[in-house]
Amino acid sequence: MFVFCSLIFLTSGCGVSTPAAQAPSDTGHHPVDLSWDAPESSPVQVVGYHVYRAPAGSSAYQLLNTSLAVETVYLDTTAQSGLSYNYFVTSVDGSGVESGPSNTVSVTIP
């Protein structure tokens, strides 16, 4: 079993804060910077992370990164301006086994 800390935005520690405002692109996408703490202790080595997103009010989470995020940061460049999303992260071991989800964080994109 993995030990996992909170999904957070642009802060360190276990907590939630507002993502940094970034200008939307010409395509109507609005970048969202995600960051989280690595597990403090785990019986297995964590080799990366999966980042998931769902529209607010939905339980249909989709994996955003096609390859493992090896750092504890991820930039979601596909969030649409004017929408709300929920995010969570899982840690992955060398065998591809995922942890349970981190806490869920909600974001409304300007």
Protein backbone atom coordinates (compact mmCIF):
# COMPACT_ATOMS: atom_id res chain seq x y z
CA MET A 1 0.00 0.00 0.00
CA PHE A 2 1.26 3.47 -0.89
CA VAL A 3 1.29 6.43 1.43
CA PHE A 4 0.24 9.56 -0.40
CA CYS A 5 -0.04 13.20 0.51
CA SER A 6 -2.39 15.89 -0.74
CA LEU A 7 -2.70 17.22 -4.26
CA ILE A 8 -1.90 20.89 -4.06
CA PHE A 9 -1.53 23.91 -6.31
CA LEU A 10 1.71 25.89 -6.35
CA THR A 11 2.48 25.41 -2.68
CA SER A 12 4.49 23.03 -0.60
CA GLY A 13 3.08 20.98 2.24
CA CYS A 14 -0.28 19.29 2.46
CA GLY A 15 -2.91 21.84 1.62
CA VAL A 16 -4.78 23.54 -1.19
CA SER A 17 -4.39 27.01 -2.60
CA THR A 18 -5.58 28.80 -5.70
CA PRO A 19 -3.70 28.08 -8.94
CA ALA A 20 -1.69 30.91 -10.40
CA ALA A 21 -3.59 32.89 -13.01
CA GLN A 22 -2.27 32.46 -16.50
CA ALA A 23 -3.57 34.02 -19.67
CA PRO A 24 -5.73 31.76 -21.83
CA SER A 25 -4.29 30.71 -25.15
CA ASP A 26 -5.82 31.51 -28.53
CA THR A 27 -7.51 28.10 -28.45
CA GLY A 28 -9.51 28.91 -25.29
CA HIS A 29 -7.35 26.60 -23.19
CA HIS A 30 -6.19 27.87 -19.81
CA PRO A 31 -3.06 26.28 -18.29
CA VAL A 32 -3.40 24.89 -14.75
CA ASP A 33 -0.22 24.25 -12.74
CA LEU A 34 -0.57 21.23 -10.47
CA SER A 35 1.91 20.20 -7.80
CA TRP A 36 1.87 17.70 -4.96
CA ASP A 37 4.02 16.18 -2.25
CA ALA A 38 5.79 12.90 -2.86
CA PRO A 39 4.86 10.11 -0.45
CA GLU A 40 6.77 10.53 2.80
CA SER A 41 7.04 6.79 3.32
CA SER A 42 6.00 3.86 1.19
CA PRO A 43 6.85 0.16 1.35
CA VAL A 44 7.54 0.24 -2.42
CA GLN A 45 9.51 2.68 -4.57
CA VAL A 46 7.40 5.25 -6.39
CA VAL A 47 8.58 5.69 -9.99
CA GLY A 48 6.03 8.27 -11.16
CA TYR A 49 2.55 9.70 -11.02
CA HIS A 50 -0.69 9.70 -12.98
CA VAL A 51 -2.82 12.85 -13.09
CA TYR A 52 -6.60 12.57 -13.52
CA ARG A 53 -9.26 15.19 -14.30
CA ALA A 54 -13.06 15.21 -14.49
CA PRO A 55 -15.54 17.97 -15.17
CA ALA A 56 -17.00 19.29 -11.90
CA GLY A 57 -20.01 17.21 -10.85
CA SER A 58 -18.84 14.17 -12.83
CA SER A 59 -17.17 10.97 -11.69
CA ALA A 60 -15.79 10.29 -15.19
CA TYR A 61 -12.10 10.95 -14.48
CA GLN A 62 -9.70 10.70 -17.40
CA LEU A 63 -5.96 10.14 -17.27
CA LEU A 64 -4.24 13.31 -18.53
CA ASN A 65 -0.64 12.15 -18.90
CA THR A 66 0.18 9.35 -21.34
CA SER A 67 3.58 8.73 -19.74
CA LEU A 68 4.35 8.83 -16.03
CA ALA A 69 5.07 12.22 -14.51
CA VAL A 70 8.39 11.67 -12.77
CA GLU A 71 8.37 15.05 -11.01
CA THR A 72 5.72 16.21 -8.53
CA VAL A 73 4.38 18.81 -10.95
CA TYR A 74 2.14 18.72 -14.01
CA LEU A 75 0.89 21.46 -16.34
CA ASP A 76 -2.61 20.81 -17.67
CA THR A 77 -2.71 22.73 -20.95
CA THR A 78 -6.10 21.38 -22.05
CA ALA A 79 -8.40 22.95 -19.41
CA GLN A 80 -11.09 25.04 -21.09
CA SER A 81 -11.74 28.61 -19.99
CA GLY A 82 -15.04 29.07 -18.15
CA LEU A 83 -15.29 25.46 -16.91
CA SER A 84 -14.74 23.79 -13.54
CA TYR A 85 -12.70 20.62 -13.01
CA ASN A 86 -11.74 18.18 -10.27
CA TYR A 87 -8.23 16.70 -10.17
CA PHE A 88 -6.49 13.90 -8.32
CA VAL A 89 -3.10 12.17 -8.53
CA THR A 90 -1.98 8.58 -7.98
CA SER A 91 1.54 7.31 -7.38
CA VAL A 92 2.80 4.36 -9.45
CA ASP A 93 5.40 1.73 -8.52
CA GLY A 94 7.88 -0.06 -10.80
CA SER A 95 5.32 -2.80 -11.59
CA GLY A 96 2.73 -0.26 -12.73
CA VAL A 97 0.57 -0.63 -9.61
CA GLU A 98 -1.21 2.62 -8.73
CA SER A 99 -1.92 3.95 -5.26
CA GLY A 100 -5.35 5.10 -4.25
CA PRO A 101 -6.20 8.65 -5.29
CA SER A 102 -4.92 11.72 -3.51
CA ASN A 103 -7.44 14.20 -2.21
CA THR A 104 -9.53 15.80 -4.94
CA VAL A 105 -9.03 19.47 -5.74
CA SER A 106 -11.60 21.59 -7.56
CA VAL A 107 -10.65 24.44 -9.89
CA THR A 108 -12.79 26.92 -11.80
CA ILE A 109 -10.99 28.20 -14.88
CA PRO A 110 -11.46 31.93 -15.56
